[in-house]
Amino acid sequence: MSEKSKIFPLEKSGLHPRNRHRFRYNFAALCTSCPELTAYVSVNKYGNESIDFSNPEAVKTLNKSLLKHFYGISNWDIPANYLCPPIPGRADYIHYMADLLSFSNKGNLPKGDSIRVLDIGAGANCVYPIIGNSEYGWHFTGSDIDPGAVKSAKQIIDSNDALKKAVEYRLQTASSAIFRNIIKPGEVFDMSMCNPPFHSSRAEAEAGTERKWKNLDIKKEKKTSLNFGGQNTELWCEGGEELFVRRMIEQSAELPEKCFWYSTLISKKSNIPGVFRLLEKVKVFDVKIINMEQGQKVSRIAAWTFLTEQQQNEWRIKRWKL
C-alpha cells in the first residue's frame, strides 16, 4: 500500500463536514477490515491506489469494505444488477437532513431511536438506514415497490444485529402510491427521504449509462453493465424525476401532519422552479433547498413542512423532549 496515501490523504471537495468519506480512501485500512477488497486494489495511471470502477464486483466489494470499516456492518450484499450506490453521496444526504432537524430543534441535533425516518424507494442496498442509524441512532422504515429489493434489504437487516431493531422494510403494492399503504394509522415520521428515479425511459437511462462509461474512460468492449448497477424501477419511471417528485408533493399534502420534514433529492436543477410552484400551490409552511456537491456532481435536497410554528413546537416538546 502507498505510504503517500496514508500520510497525505487528499480531501474531497464539497462533502459535508461530518462526512466520514471526505478524504481519499485509505485502502490499507479498508483491506484490513475487508480482506477480499485486496484482490481489486491496484495502482492507477496517476500513481494512486484505486479499484477498477468498471468492474461491478470491485465496486460492490468497495462498498462492503466502507460499510464494515465505518459503520460496523459485517454482512452486506446485494443481488446482481441492483443499484450499488456511492457511499459518500448517500452519507451527505443523511448529514444534511440531520442539520435540518437541528435547525428545527433550536440547534440541538435529535438523536436516538425515537427519531423516525421514512426512506421512500429504499432499494436493495439499505444504505441510507445503515448510515443514519450508525451516525445518529435513528430508526428507519424503508419502502420499495420491488419485492426483490425488499427481500435483499431484509436479508441485510436480519444478518446484522445492530439493524434488527433499528430498520424495517415495507413493500409498496400500489404502483402509483408513495406514502399511502406505507404509513400506518397513528404513525408519524420526523422526516422522509427519497432518491427518486432520475430518467423518464429505458432509452434515457441507457444514454446516461453511456455518459458514465465515457466519464470513466472505459473502452466499449468492457461495457457489460452500468458501474453501479440498477434495476428499471431504480433508474427510471414514466415522467422521470419531475413527475415522481410532483406525485410525492401532491401525496404529501394528503398527509400534512404525518411527517415533520418531507424531502427528496433533486438531480436536475431545471426541476427546482416547478417544485417551488407546486409547493406553493399545496400551501406548505416552509421550504428548504439544500445544495450538495460531490466532486463535479451537483445535486440538491428539497425539503418541505406543512407544520406551523405552533405545530412544530408541539412536535418538538412531544417527540424531541424539549
Protein backbone atom coordinates (compact mmCIF):
# COMPACT_ATOMS: atom_id res chain seq x y z
CA MET A 1 0.00 0.00 0.00
CA SER A 2 1.19 3.50 -0.81
CA GLU A 3 2.76 5.32 2.10
CA LYS A 4 1.96 8.65 0.46
CA SER A 5 -1.80 8.00 0.50
CA LYS A 6 -1.57 7.04 4.19
CA ILE A 7 0.31 10.15 5.26
CA PHE A 8 -1.16 12.75 2.90
CA PRO A 9 -4.82 11.89 2.29
CA LEU A 10 -6.40 14.33 -0.14
CA GLU A 11 -9.64 15.92 0.98
CA LYS A 12 -12.58 15.54 -1.37
CA SER A 13 -14.17 18.88 -2.16
CA GLY A 14 -17.76 19.69 -1.34
CA LEU A 15 -18.67 16.90 1.06
CA HIS A 16 -20.41 17.67 4.37
CA PRO A 17 -18.01 18.44 7.26
CA ARG A 18 -19.22 15.40 9.23
CA ASN A 19 -18.96 13.04 6.27
CA ARG A 20 -16.53 10.24 7.12
CA HIS A 21 -15.52 9.98 3.46
CA ARG A 22 -14.04 13.46 2.96
CA PHE A 23 -10.57 12.06 2.38
CA ARG A 24 -9.09 9.71 -0.19
CA TYR A 25 -9.86 6.09 0.56
CA ASN A 26 -7.29 4.51 2.86
CA PHE A 27 -7.09 1.17 1.08
CA ALA A 28 -4.72 -0.32 3.66
CA ALA A 29 -7.32 0.19 6.39
CA LEU A 30 -10.21 -0.87 4.16
CA CYS A 31 -8.43 -4.07 3.16
CA THR A 32 -7.73 -4.84 6.80
CA SER A 33 -11.45 -4.52 7.54
CA CYS A 34 -12.43 -6.40 4.39
CA PRO A 35 -9.56 -8.59 3.11
CA GLU A 36 -11.44 -9.56 -0.06
CA LEU A 37 -11.02 -5.98 -1.29
CA THR A 38 -7.27 -6.59 -1.67
CA ALA A 39 -7.82 -8.50 -4.91
CA TYR A 40 -9.32 -5.43 -6.57
CA VAL A 41 -6.85 -2.75 -5.45
CA SER A 42 -4.08 -1.63 -7.79
CA VAL A 43 -2.08 1.49 -8.63
CA ASN A 44 -3.73 3.51 -11.38
CA LYS A 45 -2.08 5.56 -14.11
CA TYR A 46 -1.87 8.56 -11.77
CA GLY A 47 0.16 6.59 -9.23
CA ASN A 48 -2.72 6.29 -6.74
CA GLU A 49 -4.28 3.19 -5.27
CA SER A 50 -7.75 2.60 -6.60
CA ILE A 51 -10.10 -0.01 -7.99
CA ASP A 52 -11.46 -0.60 -11.48
CA PHE A 53 -14.83 1.17 -11.33
CA SER A 54 -15.91 -0.64 -14.50
CA ASN A 55 -15.88 -3.90 -12.55
CA PRO A 56 -19.21 -4.36 -10.67
CA GLU A 57 -17.68 -6.83 -8.22
CA ALA A 58 -14.90 -4.39 -7.38
CA VAL A 59 -17.41 -1.60 -6.75
CA LYS A 60 -19.60 -3.85 -4.61
CA THR A 61 -16.61 -5.05 -2.60
CA LEU A 62 -15.51 -1.45 -2.03
CA ASN A 63 -18.97 -0.72 -0.63
CA LYS A 64 -18.74 -3.79 1.60
CA SER A 65 -15.45 -2.55 2.99
CA LEU A 66 -16.74 1.01 3.57
CA LEU A 67 -19.87 -0.19 5.33
CA LYS A 68 -17.87 -2.54 7.53
CA HIS A 69 -14.98 -0.18 8.29
CA PHE A 70 -17.00 2.97 9.02
CA TYR A 71 -20.43 1.68 10.07
CA GLY A 72 -19.81 -1.76 11.59
CA ILE A 73 -21.86 -3.73 9.06
CA SER A 74 -20.25 -7.14 8.81
CA ASN A 75 -22.72 -8.77 6.42
CA TRP A 76 -23.75 -6.82 3.35
CA ASP A 77 -24.51 -7.97 -0.16
CA ILE A 78 -26.97 -7.22 -2.96
CA PRO A 79 -28.18 -9.33 -5.88
CA ALA A 80 -26.67 -8.84 -9.32
CA ASN A 81 -27.87 -5.78 -11.28
CA TYR A 82 -29.26 -3.92 -8.27
CA LEU A 83 -28.09 -0.40 -7.51
CA CYS A 84 -24.73 -0.28 -5.73
CA PRO A 85 -24.65 3.37 -4.65
CA PRO A 86 -21.59 5.53 -3.98
CA ILE A 87 -21.44 5.73 -0.19
CA PRO A 88 -20.06 9.32 0.23
CA GLY A 89 -23.02 10.92 -1.53
CA ARG A 90 -25.53 8.86 0.44
CA ALA A 91 -23.83 9.94 3.67
CA ASP A 92 -24.11 13.59 2.65
CA TYR A 93 -27.92 13.38 2.36
CA ILE A 94 -28.10 11.91 5.87
CA HIS A 95 -25.87 14.60 7.39
CA TYR A 96 -27.68 17.49 5.72
CA MET A 97 -31.02 16.16 6.93
CA ALA A 98 -29.52 15.92 10.41
CA ASP A 99 -28.64 19.60 10.10
CA LEU A 100 -32.23 20.35 9.08
CA LEU A 101 -33.56 18.57 12.17
CA SER A 102 -31.08 20.56 14.24
CA PHE A 103 -32.28 23.80 12.61
CA SER A 104 -35.83 22.85 13.62
CA ASN A 105 -34.73 21.98 17.12
CA LYS A 106 -33.05 25.20 18.32
CA GLY A 107 -29.64 23.98 17.20
CA ASN A 108 -29.82 20.67 19.07
CA LEU A 109 -29.47 17.55 16.95
CA PRO A 110 -32.19 14.99 17.78
CA LYS A 111 -30.62 11.55 18.12
CA GLY A 112 -31.74 8.09 19.12
CA ASP A 113 -34.40 5.65 18.02
CA SER A 114 -37.25 7.99 18.91
CA ILE A 115 -36.40 9.79 15.66
CA ARG A 116 -38.33 8.01 12.92
CA VAL A 117 -37.22 8.27 9.30
CA LEU A 118 -39.11 7.07 6.23
CA ASP A 119 -36.91 6.10 3.27
CA ILE A 120 -39.01 6.04 0.08
CA GLY A 121 -37.65 3.70 -2.60
CA ALA A 122 -35.02 2.46 -0.19
CA GLY A 123 -33.76 -0.20 -2.57
CA ALA A 124 -31.96 -3.48 -2.06
CA ASN A 125 -28.83 -1.95 -0.53
CA CYS A 126 -30.24 -0.47 2.72
CA VAL A 127 -27.51 2.19 2.68
CA TYR A 128 -29.43 5.23 3.97
CA PRO A 129 -30.76 3.31 7.02
CA ILE A 130 -27.31 1.87 7.73
CA ILE A 131 -25.61 5.28 7.74
CA GLY A 132 -28.43 7.11 9.53
CA ASN A 133 -28.68 4.54 12.29
CA SER A 134 -24.91 4.28 12.76
CA GLU A 135 -24.32 8.05 12.83
CA TYR A 136 -27.37 9.21 14.77
CA GLY A 137 -29.18 6.18 16.16
CA TRP A 138 -32.33 6.91 14.14
CA HIS A 139 -34.98 4.28 13.43
CA PHE A 140 -35.71 3.73 9.74
CA THR A 141 -38.67 2.42 7.79
CA GLY A 142 -37.78 1.66 4.20
CA SER A 143 -40.28 1.17 1.42
CA ASP A 144 -39.91 -0.18 -2.09
CA ILE A 145 -42.15 -1.30 -4.92
CA ASP A 146 -39.78 -4.13 -5.91
CA PRO A 147 -40.23 -7.40 -3.91
CA GLY A 148 -36.66 -8.39 -4.78
CA ALA A 149 -35.28 -5.20 -3.27
CA VAL A 150 -37.33 -5.68 -0.09
CA LYS A 151 -36.14 -9.29 0.21
CA SER A 152 -32.49 -8.26 -0.22
CA ALA A 153 -32.75 -5.46 2.34
CA LYS A 154 -34.42 -7.74 4.88
CA GLN A 155 -31.56 -10.20 4.48
CA ILE A 156 -29.08 -7.43 5.27
CA ILE A 157 -31.12 -6.39 8.31
CA ASP A 158 -31.52 -9.94 9.62
CA SER A 159 -27.80 -10.69 9.28
CA ASN A 160 -26.61 -7.65 11.27
CA ASP A 161 -27.63 -7.43 14.93
CA ALA A 162 -27.32 -3.63 15.01
CA LEU A 163 -30.05 -3.31 12.37
CA LYS A 164 -32.62 -5.83 13.58
CA LYS A 165 -34.48 -3.43 15.87
CA ALA A 166 -33.46 -0.27 14.03
CA VAL A 167 -34.66 -0.86 10.46
CA GLU A 168 -37.77 -2.33 8.87
CA TYR A 169 -38.84 -2.61 5.24
CA ARG A 170 -42.34 -2.50 3.76
CA LEU A 171 -43.45 -3.47 0.27
CA GLN A 172 -45.40 -0.82 -1.63
CA THR A 173 -48.08 -2.74 -3.50
CA ALA A 174 -49.73 0.22 -5.26
CA SER A 175 -47.66 1.38 -8.23
CA SER A 176 -48.88 4.99 -8.11
CA ALA A 177 -48.76 5.40 -4.32
CA ILE A 178 -45.82 6.81 -2.39
CA PHE A 179 -46.96 7.32 1.21
CA ARG A 180 -50.31 5.55 1.16
CA ASN A 181 -50.10 1.86 2.18
CA ILE A 182 -46.75 2.56 3.86
CA ILE A 183 -47.55 5.00 6.68
CA LYS A 184 -49.76 3.12 9.14
CA PRO A 185 -52.66 4.64 11.12
CA GLY A 186 -51.36 6.56 14.13
CA GLU A 187 -47.80 6.56 12.79
CA VAL A 188 -45.74 9.72 12.28
CA PHE A 189 -42.24 10.38 10.97
CA ASP A 190 -39.75 13.11 11.80
CA MET A 191 -38.53 13.15 8.23
CA SER A 192 -38.80 11.32 4.93
CA MET A 193 -36.05 10.79 2.36
CA CYS A 194 -36.07 9.76 -1.27
CA ASN A 195 -33.64 9.30 -4.14
CA PRO A 196 -36.19 9.30 -6.99
CA PRO A 197 -35.74 7.60 -10.36
CA PHE A 198 -33.81 10.05 -12.48
CA HIS A 199 -34.72 9.06 -16.04
CA SER A 200 -38.07 9.00 -17.84
CA SER A 201 -37.45 5.94 -20.04
CA ARG A 202 -35.18 2.95 -20.53
CA ALA A 203 -33.57 4.67 -23.55
CA GLU A 204 -32.77 7.75 -21.48
CA ALA A 205 -31.31 5.58 -18.71
CA GLU A 206 -29.11 3.74 -21.22
CA ALA A 207 -27.89 7.06 -22.63
CA GLY A 208 -26.99 8.10 -19.10
CA THR A 209 -25.09 4.86 -18.70
CA GLU A 210 -23.12 5.63 -21.86
CA ARG A 211 -22.13 9.02 -20.45
CA LYS A 212 -20.95 7.42 -17.21
CA TRP A 213 -18.81 4.95 -19.13
CA LYS A 214 -17.34 7.83 -21.13
CA ASN A 215 -16.55 9.75 -17.94
CA LEU A 216 -14.85 6.66 -16.57
CA ASP A 217 -12.83 6.40 -19.82
CA ILE A 218 -13.91 2.80 -20.32
CA LYS A 219 -13.41 1.12 -23.69
CA LYS A 220 -16.53 -0.06 -25.48
CA GLU A 221 -15.69 -3.75 -25.24
CA LYS A 222 -15.71 -3.53 -21.44
CA LYS A 223 -19.21 -2.05 -21.25
CA THR A 224 -21.01 -5.05 -19.83
CA SER A 225 -23.13 -3.21 -17.25
CA LEU A 226 -23.56 0.09 -15.50
CA ASN A 227 -20.78 0.51 -12.97
CA PHE A 228 -23.20 0.99 -10.10
CA GLY A 229 -25.93 -1.31 -11.49
CA GLY A 230 -29.60 -0.57 -11.09
CA GLN A 231 -32.99 -2.10 -11.83
CA ASN A 232 -35.56 -0.35 -14.02
CA THR A 233 -37.52 0.94 -11.01
CA GLU A 234 -34.32 2.35 -9.50
CA LEU A 235 -33.20 4.21 -12.62
CA TRP A 236 -36.31 5.35 -14.47
CA CYS A 237 -40.07 5.76 -14.30
CA GLU A 238 -42.67 7.30 -16.56
CA GLY A 239 -42.21 11.05 -16.41
CA GLY A 240 -38.83 10.70 -14.71
CA GLU A 241 -37.76 12.72 -11.71
CA GLU A 242 -40.09 15.61 -12.47
CA LEU A 243 -43.30 13.57 -12.41
CA PHE A 244 -42.20 11.39 -9.49
CA VAL A 245 -41.44 14.42 -7.30
CA ARG A 246 -44.72 16.04 -8.36
CA ARG A 247 -46.62 12.95 -7.21
CA MET A 248 -44.66 12.93 -3.97
CA ILE A 249 -45.51 16.55 -3.18
CA GLU A 250 -49.18 16.11 -4.05
CA GLN A 251 -49.46 12.97 -1.92
CA SER A 252 -47.60 14.56 0.99
CA ALA A 253 -50.30 17.25 1.02
CA GLU A 254 -52.84 14.50 1.74
CA LEU A 255 -50.89 13.66 4.93
CA PRO A 256 -49.65 17.08 6.14
CA GLU A 257 -49.27 16.13 9.80
CA LYS A 258 -47.74 12.67 9.28
CA CYS A 259 -44.20 13.94 8.75
CA PHE A 260 -42.30 16.94 10.11
CA TRP A 261 -39.97 17.32 7.12
CA TYR A 262 -40.71 15.68 3.79
CA SER A 263 -37.70 15.63 1.47
CA THR A 264 -36.31 14.33 -1.79
CA LEU A 265 -33.17 14.62 -3.84
CA ILE A 266 -33.44 16.76 -6.97
CA SER A 267 -30.76 15.96 -9.54
CA LYS A 268 -31.96 18.26 -12.32
CA LYS A 269 -31.62 21.94 -11.45
CA SER A 270 -34.24 22.74 -14.08
CA ASN A 271 -36.86 20.97 -11.94
CA ILE A 272 -36.45 23.37 -9.00
CA PRO A 273 -38.77 26.17 -10.24
CA GLY A 274 -41.58 23.67 -10.80
CA VAL A 275 -41.02 22.22 -7.34
CA PHE A 276 -41.36 25.68 -5.79
CA ARG A 277 -44.56 26.39 -7.72
CA LEU A 278 -46.17 23.13 -6.68
CA LEU A 279 -45.15 23.50 -3.04
CA GLU A 280 -46.69 26.96 -3.03
CA LYS A 281 -49.84 25.52 -4.58
CA VAL A 282 -50.25 22.86 -1.87
CA LYS A 283 -49.64 25.53 0.79
CA VAL A 284 -46.60 24.22 2.63
CA PHE A 285 -45.48 26.29 5.60
CA ASP A 286 -41.74 26.24 4.87
CA VAL A 287 -39.36 25.06 2.13
CA LYS A 288 -35.61 24.47 2.20
CA ILE A 289 -33.36 23.82 -0.79
CA ILE A 290 -30.02 22.37 0.32
CA ASN A 291 -27.19 22.21 -2.21
CA MET A 292 -24.79 19.27 -2.19
CA GLU A 293 -21.57 18.77 -4.13
CA GLN A 294 -19.55 15.60 -4.59
CA GLY A 295 -16.62 16.44 -6.82
CA GLN A 296 -18.07 17.57 -10.16
CA LYS A 297 -21.54 16.29 -9.35
CA VAL A 298 -24.02 18.84 -8.01
CA SER A 299 -27.42 17.90 -6.62
CA ARG A 300 -29.80 19.32 -4.08
CA ILE A 301 -32.30 18.34 -1.42
CA ALA A 302 -35.79 19.81 -1.50
CA ALA A 303 -37.40 19.68 1.97
CA TRP A 304 -40.80 20.99 3.00
CA THR A 305 -43.09 21.03 6.01
CA PHE A 306 -46.79 21.75 6.43
CA LEU A 307 -46.45 22.31 10.17
CA THR A 308 -46.95 25.82 11.51
CA GLU A 309 -44.61 27.25 14.12
CA GLN A 310 -47.02 26.24 16.87
CA GLN A 311 -47.35 22.71 15.49
CA GLN A 312 -43.58 22.43 15.17
CA ASN A 313 -43.13 23.49 18.79
CA GLU A 314 -45.73 20.98 19.95
CA TRP A 315 -43.97 18.27 17.91
CA ARG A 316 -40.59 19.14 19.46
CA ILE A 317 -41.98 19.05 23.00
CA LYS A 318 -43.76 15.75 22.49
CA ARG A 319 -41.20 13.87 20.38
CA TRP A 320 -37.84 15.58 20.87
CA LYS A 321 -38.27 16.15 24.61
CA LEU A 322 -37.63 19.89 24.73
